[in-house]
Amino acid sequence: MSSPAGPPRSPGHPDYRFSLANERTLLAWLRTALALVAGGVAMTQFVPELGFPAGGPVVSIGLLLAGLGTALAGYRRYARNETAIAADQPLPTSAAAGWITAAVTVLVVALLVLVVVQVVRG
């Protein structure tokens, strides 16, 4: 019979809910990566020149690299967390979210500058 805290844990096996939550987190990282990649492709297709002739492709490459970095960082985090869950250890800290946030911030500022230059040039 299960208690209000949930079903009893079998010895030697981590609670599956932690693994499923870890998997959902990985999927969120992958959705973010996919959105960055889609933004990079859209920049190439719909905004070839932005502020200067190579403006669109430069931002596009940045978005694609940010998407790749996000996917890889998400998987690395997933693997490390899964190992910690299986070993019943505290989850390791990760600076990945900070780095991805910084990269996206730089890309947004660059895009803002390019849009302002485009508007000023008319």
N, C-alpha and C. Protein backbone atom coordinates (compact mmCIF):
# COMPACT_ATOMS: atom_id res chain seq x y z
N MET A 1 0.85 -1.18 0.00
CA MET A 1 0.00 0.00 0.00
C MET A 1 0.89 1.23 0.00
N SER A 2 0.53 2.22 -0.77
CA SER A 2 1.36 3.42 -0.83
C SER A 2 0.89 4.45 0.19
N SER A 3 1.84 5.25 0.62
CA SER A 3 1.54 6.28 1.60
C SER A 3 1.28 7.60 0.87
N PRO A 4 0.84 8.65 1.58
CA PRO A 4 0.64 9.95 0.93
C PRO A 4 1.92 10.51 0.30
N ALA A 5 3.07 10.06 0.78
CA ALA A 5 4.34 10.53 0.22
C ALA A 5 4.64 9.86 -1.11
N GLY A 6 3.89 8.87 -1.50
CA GLY A 6 4.12 8.19 -2.78
C GLY A 6 4.38 6.72 -2.55
N PRO A 7 4.60 5.98 -3.63
CA PRO A 7 4.83 4.55 -3.51
C PRO A 7 6.16 4.28 -2.81
N PRO A 8 6.27 3.14 -2.15
CA PRO A 8 7.53 2.82 -1.48
C PRO A 8 8.65 2.60 -2.50
N ARG A 9 9.87 3.03 -2.11
CA ARG A 9 11.03 2.85 -2.99
C ARG A 9 11.54 1.43 -2.88
N SER A 10 11.88 0.86 -4.02
CA SER A 10 12.53 -0.43 -3.97
C SER A 10 14.01 -0.20 -3.68
N PRO A 11 14.61 -1.05 -2.87
CA PRO A 11 16.00 -0.82 -2.48
C PRO A 11 16.93 -0.87 -3.69
N GLY A 12 17.88 0.08 -3.72
CA GLY A 12 18.87 0.09 -4.79
C GLY A 12 18.40 0.73 -6.08
N HIS A 13 17.19 1.20 -6.10
CA HIS A 13 16.68 1.81 -7.33
C HIS A 13 16.15 3.21 -7.02
N PRO A 14 16.62 4.22 -7.74
CA PRO A 14 16.14 5.57 -7.45
C PRO A 14 14.67 5.73 -7.83
N ASP A 15 14.04 6.67 -7.21
CA ASP A 15 12.65 6.98 -7.51
C ASP A 15 12.55 7.41 -8.97
N TYR A 16 11.74 6.73 -9.73
CA TYR A 16 11.62 7.01 -11.17
C TYR A 16 11.16 8.43 -11.45
N ARG A 17 10.46 9.06 -10.52
CA ARG A 17 9.97 10.42 -10.74
C ARG A 17 11.12 11.41 -10.94
N PHE A 18 12.24 11.17 -10.26
CA PHE A 18 13.40 12.05 -10.43
C PHE A 18 13.97 11.90 -11.84
N SER A 19 14.06 10.67 -12.31
CA SER A 19 14.57 10.45 -13.68
C SER A 19 13.64 11.06 -14.72
N LEU A 20 12.33 10.93 -14.49
CA LEU A 20 11.38 11.52 -15.44
C LEU A 20 11.44 13.04 -15.42
N ALA A 21 11.62 13.63 -14.24
CA ALA A 21 11.76 15.09 -14.16
C ALA A 21 13.05 15.53 -14.85
N ASN A 22 14.10 14.75 -14.70
CA ASN A 22 15.36 15.06 -15.36
C ASN A 22 15.19 15.00 -16.88
N GLU A 23 14.44 14.01 -17.34
CA GLU A 23 14.18 13.88 -18.77
C GLU A 23 13.36 15.07 -19.29
N ARG A 24 12.36 15.50 -18.53
CA ARG A 24 11.56 16.66 -18.94
C ARG A 24 12.43 17.92 -19.03
N THR A 25 13.38 18.04 -18.11
CA THR A 25 14.29 19.18 -18.16
C THR A 25 15.15 19.13 -19.41
N LEU A 26 15.64 17.95 -19.76
CA LEU A 26 16.41 17.81 -21.00
C LEU A 26 15.56 18.23 -22.20
N LEU A 27 14.30 17.81 -22.22
CA LEU A 27 13.43 18.18 -23.34
C LEU A 27 13.22 19.69 -23.41
N ALA A 28 13.17 20.36 -22.27
CA ALA A 28 13.06 21.83 -22.26
C ALA A 28 14.32 22.46 -22.86
N TRP A 29 15.48 21.93 -22.50
CA TRP A 29 16.73 22.44 -23.09
C TRP A 29 16.72 22.22 -24.61
N LEU A 30 16.24 21.06 -25.05
CA LEU A 30 16.21 20.77 -26.49
C LEU A 30 15.21 21.66 -27.22
N ARG A 31 14.08 21.97 -26.59
CA ARG A 31 13.12 22.91 -27.20
C ARG A 31 13.74 24.28 -27.36
N THR A 32 14.48 24.71 -26.36
CA THR A 32 15.16 26.01 -26.44
C THR A 32 16.19 25.99 -27.56
N ALA A 33 16.95 24.91 -27.64
CA ALA A 33 17.96 24.79 -28.70
C ALA A 33 17.30 24.82 -30.08
N LEU A 34 16.20 24.11 -30.22
CA LEU A 34 15.48 24.09 -31.50
C LEU A 34 14.95 25.47 -31.86
N ALA A 35 14.46 26.22 -30.88
CA ALA A 35 13.98 27.58 -31.14
C ALA A 35 15.13 28.49 -31.60
N LEU A 36 16.30 28.35 -30.99
CA LEU A 36 17.46 29.14 -31.41
C LEU A 36 17.88 28.79 -32.84
N VAL A 37 17.89 27.51 -33.15
CA VAL A 37 18.24 27.07 -34.50
C VAL A 37 17.21 27.59 -35.51
N ALA A 38 15.93 27.50 -35.17
CA ALA A 38 14.88 27.99 -36.07
C ALA A 38 15.03 29.50 -36.28
N GLY A 39 15.38 30.23 -35.21
CA GLY A 39 15.63 31.67 -35.36
C GLY A 39 16.81 31.95 -36.28
N GLY A 40 17.85 31.14 -36.17
CA GLY A 40 19.01 31.30 -37.05
C GLY A 40 18.67 31.05 -38.51
N VAL A 41 17.87 30.01 -38.76
CA VAL A 41 17.45 29.72 -40.14
C VAL A 41 16.55 30.84 -40.66
N ALA A 42 15.65 31.33 -39.82
CA ALA A 42 14.75 32.41 -40.24
C ALA A 42 15.55 33.68 -40.57
N MET A 43 16.56 33.97 -39.77
CA MET A 43 17.39 35.15 -40.05
C MET A 43 18.03 35.04 -41.43
N THR A 44 18.52 33.87 -41.76
CA THR A 44 19.17 33.67 -43.06
C THR A 44 18.17 33.83 -44.20
N GLN A 45 16.97 33.31 -44.03
CA GLN A 45 15.98 33.33 -45.09
C GLN A 45 15.29 34.67 -45.27
N PHE A 46 14.97 35.33 -44.16
CA PHE A 46 14.11 36.51 -44.25
C PHE A 46 14.81 37.83 -44.00
N VAL A 47 16.00 37.82 -43.44
CA VAL A 47 16.71 39.07 -43.14
C VAL A 47 18.16 38.93 -43.59
N PRO A 48 18.40 38.85 -44.91
CA PRO A 48 19.78 38.65 -45.37
C PRO A 48 20.68 39.85 -45.08
N GLU A 49 20.14 41.05 -45.11
CA GLU A 49 20.94 42.23 -44.81
C GLU A 49 20.28 42.96 -43.65
N LEU A 50 21.04 43.20 -42.64
CA LEU A 50 20.50 43.87 -41.46
C LEU A 50 21.58 44.80 -40.93
N GLY A 51 21.45 46.07 -41.20
CA GLY A 51 22.43 47.04 -40.74
C GLY A 51 23.63 47.15 -41.66
N PHE A 52 24.14 46.01 -42.08
CA PHE A 52 25.22 45.96 -43.07
C PHE A 52 25.07 44.65 -43.84
N PRO A 53 25.75 44.50 -45.00
CA PRO A 53 25.46 43.35 -45.88
C PRO A 53 25.51 41.97 -45.23
N ALA A 54 26.37 41.74 -44.28
CA ALA A 54 26.46 40.41 -43.67
C ALA A 54 25.79 40.36 -42.30
N GLY A 55 24.99 41.35 -41.97
CA GLY A 55 24.36 41.41 -40.64
C GLY A 55 23.49 40.22 -40.32
N GLY A 56 22.61 39.85 -41.24
CA GLY A 56 21.72 38.71 -41.03
C GLY A 56 22.48 37.40 -40.83
N PRO A 57 23.42 37.09 -41.75
CA PRO A 57 24.17 35.85 -41.57
C PRO A 57 25.01 35.81 -40.29
N VAL A 58 25.55 36.93 -39.87
CA VAL A 58 26.35 36.95 -38.64
C VAL A 58 25.46 36.59 -37.45
N VAL A 59 24.29 37.21 -37.35
CA VAL A 59 23.37 36.89 -36.25
C VAL A 59 22.88 35.45 -36.39
N SER A 60 22.64 35.01 -37.62
CA SER A 60 22.19 33.65 -37.86
C SER A 60 23.20 32.63 -37.35
N ILE A 61 24.47 32.85 -37.66
CA ILE A 61 25.52 31.94 -37.19
C ILE A 61 25.57 31.93 -35.67
N GLY A 62 25.43 33.11 -35.06
CA GLY A 62 25.41 33.17 -33.61
C GLY A 62 24.25 32.39 -33.02
N LEU A 63 23.08 32.51 -33.62
CA LEU A 63 21.91 31.76 -33.13
C LEU A 63 22.09 30.25 -33.30
N LEU A 64 22.64 29.86 -34.44
CA LEU A 64 22.87 28.44 -34.67
C LEU A 64 23.89 27.87 -33.67
N LEU A 65 24.96 28.61 -33.41
CA LEU A 65 25.94 28.16 -32.43
C LEU A 65 25.36 28.13 -31.02
N ALA A 66 24.53 29.11 -30.69
CA ALA A 66 23.87 29.11 -29.39
C ALA A 66 22.93 27.90 -29.27
N GLY A 67 22.24 27.56 -30.35
CA GLY A 67 21.38 26.38 -30.34
C GLY A 67 22.17 25.10 -30.14
N LEU A 68 23.29 24.99 -30.82
CA LEU A 68 24.15 23.82 -30.66
C LEU A 68 24.67 23.74 -29.22
N GLY A 69 25.14 24.86 -28.70
CA GLY A 69 25.64 24.89 -27.33
C GLY A 69 24.57 24.53 -26.32
N THR A 70 23.37 25.01 -26.54
CA THR A 70 22.26 24.71 -25.64
C THR A 70 21.93 23.22 -25.64
N ALA A 71 21.88 22.62 -26.81
CA ALA A 71 21.58 21.19 -26.90
C ALA A 71 22.67 20.37 -26.20
N LEU A 72 23.93 20.70 -26.45
CA LEU A 72 25.02 19.95 -25.84
C LEU A 72 25.07 20.15 -24.33
N ALA A 73 24.85 21.39 -23.89
CA ALA A 73 24.85 21.66 -22.44
C ALA A 73 23.69 20.96 -21.76
N GLY A 74 22.54 20.93 -22.40
CA GLY A 74 21.38 20.25 -21.84
C GLY A 74 21.62 18.76 -21.69
N TYR A 75 22.24 18.16 -22.70
CA TYR A 75 22.51 16.72 -22.60
C TYR A 75 23.56 16.44 -21.53
N ARG A 76 24.57 17.27 -21.47
CA ARG A 76 25.62 17.07 -20.45
C ARG A 76 25.01 17.17 -19.05
N ARG A 77 24.15 18.15 -18.87
CA ARG A 77 23.49 18.32 -17.57
C ARG A 77 22.62 17.10 -17.26
N TYR A 78 21.87 16.64 -18.26
CA TYR A 78 21.02 15.46 -18.08
C TYR A 78 21.85 14.25 -17.65
N ALA A 79 22.96 13.99 -18.35
CA ALA A 79 23.78 12.83 -18.05
C ALA A 79 24.38 12.92 -16.65
N ARG A 80 24.88 14.09 -16.28
CA ARG A 80 25.46 14.27 -14.94
C ARG A 80 24.40 14.10 -13.85
N ASN A 81 23.22 14.67 -14.08
CA ASN A 81 22.14 14.53 -13.10
C ASN A 81 21.68 13.09 -12.98
N GLU A 82 21.59 12.40 -14.09
CA GLU A 82 21.14 11.01 -14.07
C GLU A 82 22.12 10.15 -13.29
N THR A 83 23.42 10.41 -13.47
CA THR A 83 24.44 9.68 -12.71
C THR A 83 24.30 9.96 -11.22
N ALA A 84 24.08 11.22 -10.87
CA ALA A 84 23.92 11.59 -9.46
C ALA A 84 22.65 10.97 -8.87
N ILE A 85 21.58 10.94 -9.63
CA ILE A 85 20.33 10.35 -9.15
C ILE A 85 20.54 8.86 -8.88
N ALA A 86 21.18 8.17 -9.81
CA ALA A 86 21.40 6.73 -9.65
C ALA A 86 22.30 6.44 -8.45
N ALA A 87 23.24 7.35 -8.16
CA ALA A 87 24.16 7.15 -7.04
C ALA A 87 23.60 7.72 -5.74
N ASP A 88 22.39 8.27 -5.77
CA ASP A 88 21.76 8.90 -4.61
C ASP A 88 22.66 9.99 -4.01
N GLN A 89 23.21 10.82 -4.91
CA GLN A 89 24.09 11.92 -4.54
C GLN A 89 23.38 13.24 -4.83
N PRO A 90 23.84 14.35 -4.24
CA PRO A 90 23.27 15.66 -4.60
C PRO A 90 23.53 15.97 -6.07
N LEU A 91 22.62 16.70 -6.67
CA LEU A 91 22.80 17.05 -8.08
C LEU A 91 23.97 18.01 -8.23
N PRO A 92 24.79 17.81 -9.26
CA PRO A 92 25.94 18.69 -9.47
C PRO A 92 25.48 20.07 -9.95
N THR A 93 26.26 21.08 -9.61
CA THR A 93 25.95 22.42 -10.10
C THR A 93 26.43 22.55 -11.53
N SER A 94 25.84 23.48 -12.23
CA SER A 94 26.20 23.68 -13.64
C SER A 94 26.14 25.17 -13.96
N ALA A 95 27.13 25.64 -14.68
CA ALA A 95 27.16 27.03 -15.12
C ALA A 95 26.55 27.18 -16.51
N ALA A 96 26.03 26.09 -17.06
CA ALA A 96 25.53 26.11 -18.44
C ALA A 96 24.42 27.13 -18.63
N ALA A 97 23.49 27.20 -17.70
CA ALA A 97 22.37 28.14 -17.85
C ALA A 97 22.89 29.58 -17.89
N GLY A 98 23.87 29.89 -17.08
CA GLY A 98 24.46 31.23 -17.10
C GLY A 98 25.15 31.54 -18.41
N TRP A 99 25.89 30.57 -18.92
CA TRP A 99 26.58 30.79 -20.20
C TRP A 99 25.60 30.95 -21.36
N ILE A 100 24.57 30.14 -21.39
CA ILE A 100 23.58 30.24 -22.46
C ILE A 100 22.83 31.57 -22.36
N THR A 101 22.50 31.98 -21.14
CA THR A 101 21.84 33.28 -20.95
C THR A 101 22.73 34.41 -21.43
N ALA A 102 24.01 34.35 -21.11
CA ALA A 102 24.95 35.39 -21.57
C ALA A 102 25.06 35.40 -23.09
N ALA A 103 25.12 34.23 -23.70
CA ALA A 103 25.23 34.17 -25.17
C ALA A 103 23.99 34.74 -25.84
N VAL A 104 22.82 34.40 -25.33
CA VAL A 104 21.58 34.92 -25.91
C VAL A 104 21.49 36.44 -25.68
N THR A 105 21.93 36.90 -24.52
CA THR A 105 21.93 38.34 -24.25
C THR A 105 22.82 39.08 -25.24
N VAL A 106 24.00 38.55 -25.50
CA VAL A 106 24.91 39.17 -26.48
C VAL A 106 24.26 39.19 -27.86
N LEU A 107 23.62 38.10 -28.24
CA LEU A 107 22.96 38.04 -29.54
C LEU A 107 21.81 39.04 -29.64
N VAL A 108 21.04 39.18 -28.57
CA VAL A 108 19.92 40.14 -28.58
C VAL A 108 20.44 41.57 -28.69
N VAL A 109 21.51 41.88 -27.96
CA VAL A 109 22.09 43.23 -28.04
C VAL A 109 22.63 43.48 -29.45
N ALA A 110 23.31 42.51 -30.04
CA ALA A 110 23.82 42.66 -31.40
C ALA A 110 22.67 42.86 -32.39
N LEU A 111 21.63 42.10 -32.23
CA LEU A 111 20.47 42.23 -33.10
C LEU A 111 19.81 43.59 -32.93
N LEU A 112 19.71 44.06 -31.71
CA LEU A 112 19.15 45.39 -31.45
C LEU A 112 19.97 46.48 -32.13
N VAL A 113 21.29 46.39 -32.02
CA VAL A 113 22.17 47.37 -32.67
C VAL A 113 21.97 47.33 -34.18
N LEU A 114 21.92 46.13 -34.75
CA LEU A 114 21.75 46.01 -36.20
C LEU A 114 20.39 46.56 -36.65
N VAL A 115 19.36 46.33 -35.88
CA VAL A 115 18.03 46.86 -36.24
C VAL A 115 18.05 48.39 -36.17
N VAL A 116 18.66 48.94 -35.15
CA VAL A 116 18.74 50.41 -35.04
C VAL A 116 19.52 50.99 -36.21
N VAL A 117 20.62 50.37 -36.58
CA VAL A 117 21.41 50.84 -37.73
C VAL A 117 20.57 50.78 -39.00
N GLN A 118 19.82 49.68 -39.17
CA GLN A 118 18.96 49.52 -40.35
C GLN A 118 17.89 50.61 -40.39
N VAL A 119 17.28 50.93 -39.26
CA VAL A 119 16.22 51.94 -39.21
C VAL A 119 16.80 53.33 -39.48
N VAL A 120 17.96 53.62 -38.91
CA VAL A 120 18.58 54.94 -39.11
C VAL A 120 18.96 55.12 -40.58
N ARG A 121 19.47 54.09 -41.21
CA ARG A 121 19.85 54.18 -42.64
C ARG A 121 18.62 54.29 -43.53
N GLY A 122 17.50 53.81 -43.04
CA GLY A 122 16.25 53.92 -43.78
C GLY A 122 16.12 52.86 -44.76
